[in-house]
Amino acid sequence: MKSLLFIGGLGGMELVIIAFIVLLLFGGKKLPELMKGLGKGIREFNNAKASIESEVKESLKDADDK
């Protein structure tokens, strides 16, 4: 759990309280839609990151070949 820096200082009870507050704010019906959007955003971020990494590796390879 140390890899998740933003929740490193939170314990179990704090996470339960945060989850309860989110449930109260968004409601049970809106929560799955919210999580779907969050997952889509994370997936797009990872795809963009992978694309940039491949472009950097390709440009480094081209620079080494010259």
PDB file of N, CA and C in Angstrom:
ATOM      1  N   MET A   1       0.812  -1.188   0.000  1.00  0.00           N
ATOM      2  CA  MET A   1       0.000   0.000   0.000  1.00  0.00           C
ATOM      3  C   MET A   1       0.863   1.261   0.000  1.00  0.00           C
ATOM      4  N   LYS A   2       2.172   1.091   0.141  1.00  0.00           N
ATOM      5  CA  LYS A   2       3.058   2.246   0.126  1.00  0.00           C
ATOM      6  C   LYS A   2       3.165   2.871  -1.256  1.00  0.00           C
ATOM      7  N   SER A   3       2.805   2.112  -2.298  1.00  0.00           N
ATOM      8  CA  SER A   3       2.879   2.671  -3.646  1.00  0.00           C
ATOM      9  C   SER A   3       1.799   3.719  -3.886  1.00  0.00           C
ATOM     10  N   LEU A   4       0.738   3.685  -3.111  1.00  0.00           N
ATOM     11  CA  LEU A   4      -0.322   4.679  -3.240  1.00  0.00           C
ATOM     12  C   LEU A   4      -0.017   5.820  -2.282  1.00  0.00           C
ATOM     13  N   LEU A   5       0.726   6.780  -2.739  1.00  0.00           N
ATOM     14  CA  LEU A   5       1.206   7.864  -1.878  1.00  0.00           C
ATOM     15  C   LEU A   5       0.095   8.727  -1.320  1.00  0.00           C
ATOM     16  N   PHE A   6      -0.977   8.922  -2.078  1.00  0.00           N
ATOM     17  CA  PHE A   6      -2.015   9.829  -1.641  1.00  0.00           C
ATOM     18  C   PHE A   6      -2.853   9.268  -0.501  1.00  0.00           C
ATOM     19  N   ILE A   7      -2.800   7.968  -0.241  1.00  0.00           N
ATOM     20  CA  ILE A   7      -3.539   7.423   0.892  1.00  0.00           C
ATOM     21  C   ILE A   7      -2.590   6.784   1.906  1.00  0.00           C
ATOM     22  N   GLY A   8      -1.325   7.113   1.840  1.00  0.00           N
ATOM     23  CA  GLY A   8      -0.332   6.513   2.718  1.00  0.00           C
ATOM     24  C   GLY A   8      -0.589   6.755   4.189  1.00  0.00           C
ATOM     25  N   GLY A   9      -1.124   7.914   4.565  1.00  0.00           N
ATOM     26  CA  GLY A   9      -1.343   8.231   5.958  1.00  0.00           C
ATOM     27  C   GLY A   9      -2.739   7.917   6.451  1.00  0.00           C
ATOM     28  N   LEU A  10      -3.563   7.304   5.622  1.00  0.00           N
ATOM     29  CA  LEU A  10      -4.943   7.020   6.010  1.00  0.00           C
ATOM     30  C   LEU A  10      -5.076   5.586   6.509  1.00  0.00           C
ATOM     31  N   GLY A  11      -5.830   5.428   7.587  1.00  0.00           N
ATOM     32  CA  GLY A  11      -6.107   4.107   8.116  1.00  0.00           C
ATOM     33  C   GLY A  11      -7.432   3.584   7.601  1.00  0.00           C
ATOM     34  N   GLY A  12      -7.826   2.445   8.104  1.00  0.00           N
ATOM     35  CA  GLY A  12      -9.066   1.821   7.665  1.00  0.00           C
ATOM     36  C   GLY A  12     -10.299   2.640   7.994  1.00  0.00           C
ATOM     37  N   MET A  13     -10.338   3.190   9.202  1.00  0.00           N
ATOM     38  CA  MET A  13     -11.517   3.955   9.613  1.00  0.00           C
ATOM     39  C   MET A  13     -11.669   5.230   8.787  1.00  0.00           C
ATOM     40  N   GLU A  14     -10.559   5.881   8.467  1.00  0.00           N
ATOM     41  CA  GLU A  14     -10.620   7.097   7.646  1.00  0.00           C
ATOM     42  C   GLU A  14     -11.152   6.783   6.255  1.00  0.00           C
ATOM     43  N   LEU A  15     -10.722   5.656   5.687  1.00  0.00           N
ATOM     44  CA  LEU A  15     -11.210   5.267   4.363  1.00  0.00           C
ATOM     45  C   LEU A  15     -12.698   4.955   4.389  1.00  0.00           C
ATOM     46  N   VAL A  16     -13.173   4.338   5.463  1.00  0.00           N
ATOM     47  CA  VAL A  16     -14.604   4.045   5.596  1.00  0.00           C
ATOM     48  C   VAL A  16     -15.396   5.347   5.671  1.00  0.00           C
ATOM     49  N   ILE A  17     -14.893   6.313   6.417  1.00  0.00           N
ATOM     50  CA  ILE A  17     -15.574   7.604   6.540  1.00  0.00           C
ATOM     51  C   ILE A  17     -15.615   8.319   5.194  1.00  0.00           C
ATOM     52  N   ILE A  18     -14.512   8.304   4.466  1.00  0.00           N
ATOM     53  CA  ILE A  18     -14.468   8.936   3.149  1.00  0.00           C
ATOM     54  C   ILE A  18     -15.451   8.256   2.196  1.00  0.00           C
ATOM     55  N   ALA A  19     -15.483   6.915   2.216  1.00  0.00           N
ATOM     56  CA  ALA A  19     -16.415   6.181   1.352  1.00  0.00           C
ATOM     57  C   ALA A  19     -17.865   6.527   1.701  1.00  0.00           C
ATOM     58  N   PHE A  20     -18.176   6.669   2.991  1.00  0.00           N
ATOM     59  CA  PHE A  20     -19.519   7.017   3.421  1.00  0.00           C
ATOM     60  C   PHE A  20     -19.899   8.416   2.948  1.00  0.00           C
ATOM     61  N   ILE A  21     -18.965   9.350   3.037  1.00  0.00           N
ATOM     62  CA  ILE A  21     -19.227  10.726   2.591  1.00  0.00           C
ATOM     63  C   ILE A  21     -19.470  10.753   1.084  1.00  0.00           C
ATOM     64  N   VAL A  22     -18.665  10.020   0.329  1.00  0.00           N
ATOM     65  CA  VAL A  22     -18.843   9.959  -1.125  1.00  0.00           C
ATOM     66  C   VAL A  22     -20.206   9.356  -1.455  1.00  0.00           C
ATOM     67  N   LEU A  23     -20.588   8.326  -0.735  1.00  0.00           N
ATOM     68  CA  LEU A  23     -21.890   7.704  -0.962  1.00  0.00           C
ATOM     69  C   LEU A  23     -23.023   8.682  -0.665  1.00  0.00           C
ATOM     70  N   LEU A  24     -22.883   9.473   0.397  1.00  0.00           N
ATOM     71  CA  LEU A  24     -23.905  10.468   0.722  1.00  0.00           C
ATOM     72  C   LEU A  24     -23.981  11.573  -0.328  1.00  0.00           C
ATOM     73  N   LEU A  25     -22.812  12.011  -0.820  1.00  0.00           N
ATOM     74  CA  LEU A  25     -22.784  13.106  -1.790  1.00  0.00           C
ATOM     75  C   LEU A  25     -23.351  12.696  -3.148  1.00  0.00           C
ATOM     76  N   PHE A  26     -22.972  11.525  -3.626  1.00  0.00           N
ATOM     77  CA  PHE A  26     -23.327  11.132  -4.987  1.00  0.00           C
ATOM     78  C   PHE A  26     -24.518  10.185  -5.048  1.00  0.00           C
ATOM     79  N   GLY A  27     -24.830   9.512  -3.970  1.00  0.00           N
ATOM     80  CA  GLY A  27     -25.952   8.582  -3.966  1.00  0.00           C
ATOM     81  C   GLY A  27     -25.583   7.241  -4.563  1.00  0.00           C
ATOM     82  N   GLY A  28     -26.344   6.248  -4.217  1.00  0.00           N
ATOM     83  CA  GLY A  28     -26.067   4.882  -4.667  1.00  0.00           C
ATOM     84  C   GLY A  28     -26.235   4.690  -6.160  1.00  0.00           C
ATOM     85  N   LYS A  29     -27.165   5.421  -6.769  1.00  0.00           N
ATOM     86  CA  LYS A  29     -27.419   5.246  -8.200  1.00  0.00           C
ATOM     87  C   LYS A  29     -26.368   5.936  -9.054  1.00  0.00           C
ATOM     88  N   LYS A  30     -25.797   6.999  -8.560  1.00  0.00           N
ATOM     89  CA  LYS A  30     -24.829   7.773  -9.332  1.00  0.00           C
ATOM     90  C   LYS A  30     -23.404   7.217  -9.183  1.00  0.00           C
ATOM     91  N   LEU A  31     -23.144   6.463  -8.116  1.00  0.00           N
ATOM     92  CA  LEU A  31     -21.801   5.970  -7.826  1.00  0.00           C
ATOM     93  C   LEU A  31     -21.228   5.059  -8.916  1.00  0.00           C
ATOM     94  N   PRO A  32     -21.973   4.074  -9.460  1.00  0.00           N
ATOM     95  CA  PRO A  32     -21.400   3.248 -10.531  1.00  0.00           C
ATOM     96  C   PRO A  32     -21.007   4.060 -11.766  1.00  0.00           C
ATOM     97  N   GLU A  33     -21.814   5.067 -12.092  1.00  0.00           N
ATOM     98  CA  GLU A  33     -21.493   5.927 -13.234  1.00  0.00           C
ATOM     99  C   GLU A  33     -20.210   6.720 -12.963  1.00  0.00           C
ATOM    100  N   LEU A  34     -20.064   7.180 -11.743  1.00  0.00           N
ATOM    101  CA  LEU A  34     -18.862   7.924 -11.347  1.00  0.00           C
ATOM    102  C   LEU A  34     -17.624   7.042 -11.446  1.00  0.00           C
ATOM    103  N   MET A  35     -17.723   5.812 -10.966  1.00  0.00           N
ATOM    104  CA  MET A  35     -16.590   4.883 -11.013  1.00  0.00           C
ATOM    105  C   MET A  35     -16.252   4.497 -12.451  1.00  0.00           C
ATOM    106  N   LYS A  36     -17.277   4.367 -13.293  1.00  0.00           N
ATOM    107  CA  LYS A  36     -17.041   4.054 -14.707  1.00  0.00           C
ATOM    108  C   LYS A  36     -16.262   5.181 -15.372  1.00  0.00           C
ATOM    109  N   GLY A  37     -16.646   6.420 -15.085  1.00  0.00           N
ATOM    110  CA  GLY A  37     -15.933   7.566 -15.638  1.00  0.00           C
ATOM    111  C   GLY A  37     -14.506   7.648 -15.125  1.00  0.00           C
ATOM    112  N   LEU A  38     -14.318   7.335 -13.846  1.00  0.00           N
ATOM    113  CA  LEU A  38     -12.977   7.344 -13.266  1.00  0.00           C
ATOM    114  C   LEU A  38     -12.101   6.286 -13.926  1.00  0.00           C
ATOM    115  N   GLY A  39     -12.657   5.096 -14.125  1.00  0.00           N
ATOM    116  CA  GLY A  39     -11.911   4.024 -14.788  1.00  0.00           C
ATOM    117  C   GLY A  39     -11.542   4.382 -16.213  1.00  0.00           C
ATOM    118  N   LYS A  40     -12.471   5.017 -16.917  1.00  0.00           N
ATOM    119  CA  LYS A  40     -12.202   5.438 -18.297  1.00  0.00           C
ATOM    120  C   LYS A  40     -11.089   6.480 -18.331  1.00  0.00           C
ATOM    121  N   GLY A  41     -11.108   7.406 -17.394  1.00  0.00           N
ATOM    122  CA  GLY A  41     -10.065   8.426 -17.332  1.00  0.00           C
ATOM    123  C   GLY A  41      -8.699   7.833 -17.031  1.00  0.00           C
ATOM    124  N   ILE A  42      -8.651   6.880 -16.116  1.00  0.00           N
ATOM    125  CA  ILE A  42      -7.381   6.220 -15.781  1.00  0.00           C
ATOM    126  C   ILE A  42      -6.866   5.436 -16.979  1.00  0.00           C
ATOM    127  N   ARG A  43      -7.768   4.753 -17.685  1.00  0.00           N
ATOM    128  CA  ARG A  43      -7.370   3.990 -18.872  1.00  0.00           C
ATOM    129  C   ARG A  43      -6.801   4.909 -19.953  1.00  0.00           C
ATOM    130  N   GLU A  44      -7.439   6.053 -20.189  1.00  0.00           N
ATOM    131  CA  GLU A  44      -6.948   7.002 -21.181  1.00  0.00           C
ATOM    132  C   GLU A  44      -5.584   7.563 -20.766  1.00  0.00           C
ATOM    133  N   PHE A  45      -5.414   7.846 -19.485  1.00  0.00           N
ATOM    134  CA  PHE A  45      -4.126   8.336 -18.985  1.00  0.00           C
ATOM    135  C   PHE A  45      -3.032   7.305 -19.220  1.00  0.00           C
ATOM    136  N   ASN A  46      -3.308   6.043 -18.908  1.00  0.00           N
ATOM    137  CA  ASN A  46      -2.308   4.993 -19.099  1.00  0.00           C
ATOM    138  C   ASN A  46      -1.974   4.797 -20.569  1.00  0.00           C
ATOM    139  N   ASN A  47      -2.967   4.898 -21.444  1.00  0.00           N
ATOM    140  CA  ASN A  47      -2.709   4.783 -22.880  1.00  0.00           C
ATOM    141  C   ASN A  47      -1.828   5.925 -23.373  1.00  0.00           C
ATOM    142  N   ALA A  48      -2.101   7.138 -22.911  1.00  0.00           N
ATOM    143  CA  ALA A  48      -1.290   8.283 -23.307  1.00  0.00           C
ATOM    144  C   ALA A  48       0.135   8.143 -22.776  1.00  0.00           C
ATOM    145  N   LYS A  49       0.270   7.658 -21.552  1.00  0.00           N
ATOM    146  CA  LYS A  49       1.594   7.458 -20.959  1.00  0.00           C
ATOM    147  C   LYS A  49       2.391   6.431 -21.751  1.00  0.00           C
ATOM    148  N   ALA A  50       1.741   5.333 -22.131  1.00  0.00           N
ATOM    149  CA  ALA A  50       2.413   4.289 -22.905  1.00  0.00           C
ATOM    150  C   ALA A  50       2.820   4.818 -24.275  1.00  0.00           C
ATOM    151  N   SER A  51       1.976   5.641 -24.870  1.00  0.00           N
ATOM    152  CA  SER A  51       2.285   6.216 -26.175  1.00  0.00           C
ATOM    153  C   SER A  51       3.507   7.131 -26.088  1.00  0.00           C
ATOM    154  N   ILE A  52       3.558   7.952 -25.080  1.00  0.00           N
ATOM    155  CA  ILE A  52       4.692   8.860 -24.906  1.00  0.00           C
ATOM    156  C   ILE A  52       5.966   8.074 -24.633  1.00  0.00           C
ATOM    157  N   GLU A  53       5.867   7.039 -23.801  1.00  0.00           N
ATOM    158  CA  GLU A  53       7.045   6.216 -23.511  1.00  0.00           C
ATOM    159  C   GLU A  53       7.579   5.557 -24.774  1.00  0.00           C
ATOM    160  N   SER A  54       6.690   5.048 -25.620  1.00  0.00           N
ATOM    161  CA  SER A  54       7.143   4.390 -26.847  1.00  0.00           C
ATOM    162  C   SER A  54       7.773   5.395 -27.802  1.00  0.00           C
ATOM    163  N   GLU A  55       7.229   6.610 -27.867  1.00  0.00           N
ATOM    164  CA  GLU A  55       7.820   7.633 -28.727  1.00  0.00           C
ATOM    165  C   GLU A  55       9.212   8.033 -28.241  1.00  0.00           C
ATOM    166  N   VAL A  56       9.372   8.152 -26.939  1.00  0.00           N
ATOM    167  CA  VAL A  56      10.686   8.510 -26.383  1.00  0.00           C
ATOM    168  C   VAL A  56      11.695   7.404 -26.652  1.00  0.00           C
ATOM    169  N   LYS A  57      11.288   6.144 -26.430  1.00  0.00           N
ATOM    170  CA  LYS A  57      12.194   5.019 -26.689  1.00  0.00           C
ATOM    171  C   LYS A  57      12.575   4.953 -28.157  1.00  0.00           C
ATOM    172  N   GLU A  58      11.608   5.209 -29.043  1.00  0.00           N
ATOM    173  CA  GLU A  58      11.880   5.169 -30.475  1.00  0.00           C
ATOM    174  C   GLU A  58      12.844   6.282 -30.881  1.00  0.00           C
ATOM    175  N   SER A  59      12.654   7.477 -30.328  1.00  0.00           N
ATOM    176  CA  SER A  59      13.553   8.583 -30.667  1.00  0.00           C
ATOM    177  C   SER A  59      14.953   8.351 -30.109  1.00  0.00           C
ATOM    178  N   LEU A  60      15.058   7.735 -28.922  1.00  0.00           N
ATOM    179  CA  LEU A  60      16.377   7.409 -28.383  1.00  0.00           C
ATOM    180  C   LEU A  60      17.062   6.353 -29.231  1.00  0.00           C
ATOM    181  N   LYS A  61      16.291   5.382 -29.714  1.00  0.00           N
ATOM    182  CA  LYS A  61      16.854   4.348 -30.570  1.00  0.00           C
ATOM    183  C   LYS A  61      17.347   4.956 -31.873  1.00  0.00           C
ATOM    184  N   ASP A  62      16.555   5.875 -32.451  1.00  0.00           N
ATOM    185  CA  ASP A  62      16.961   6.538 -33.692  1.00  0.00           C
ATOM    186  C   ASP A  62      18.211   7.386 -33.475  1.00  0.00           C
ATOM    187  N   ALA A  63      18.304   8.029 -32.330  1.00  0.00           N
ATOM    188  CA  ALA A  63      19.483   8.855 -32.039  1.00  0.00           C
ATOM    189  C   ALA A  63      20.713   7.992 -31.860  1.00  0.00           C
ATOM    190  N   ASP A  64      20.564   6.803 -31.283  1.00  0.00           N
ATOM    191  CA  ASP A  64      21.703   5.902 -31.105  1.00  0.00           C
ATOM    192  C   ASP A  64      22.172   5.321 -32.435  1.00  0.00           C
ATOM    193  N   ASP A  65      21.243   5.127 -33.377  1.00  0.00           N
ATOM    194  CA  ASP A  65      21.588   4.571 -34.669  1.00  0.00           C
ATOM    195  C   ASP A  65      22.385   5.565 -35.515  1.00  0.00           C
ATOM    196  N   LYS A  66      22.224   6.840 -35.268  1.00  0.00           N
ATOM    197  CA  LYS A  66      22.916   7.854 -36.083  1.00  0.00           C
ATOM    198  C   LYS A  66      24.275   8.076 -35.612  1.00  0.00           C
TER     199      LYS A  66
END
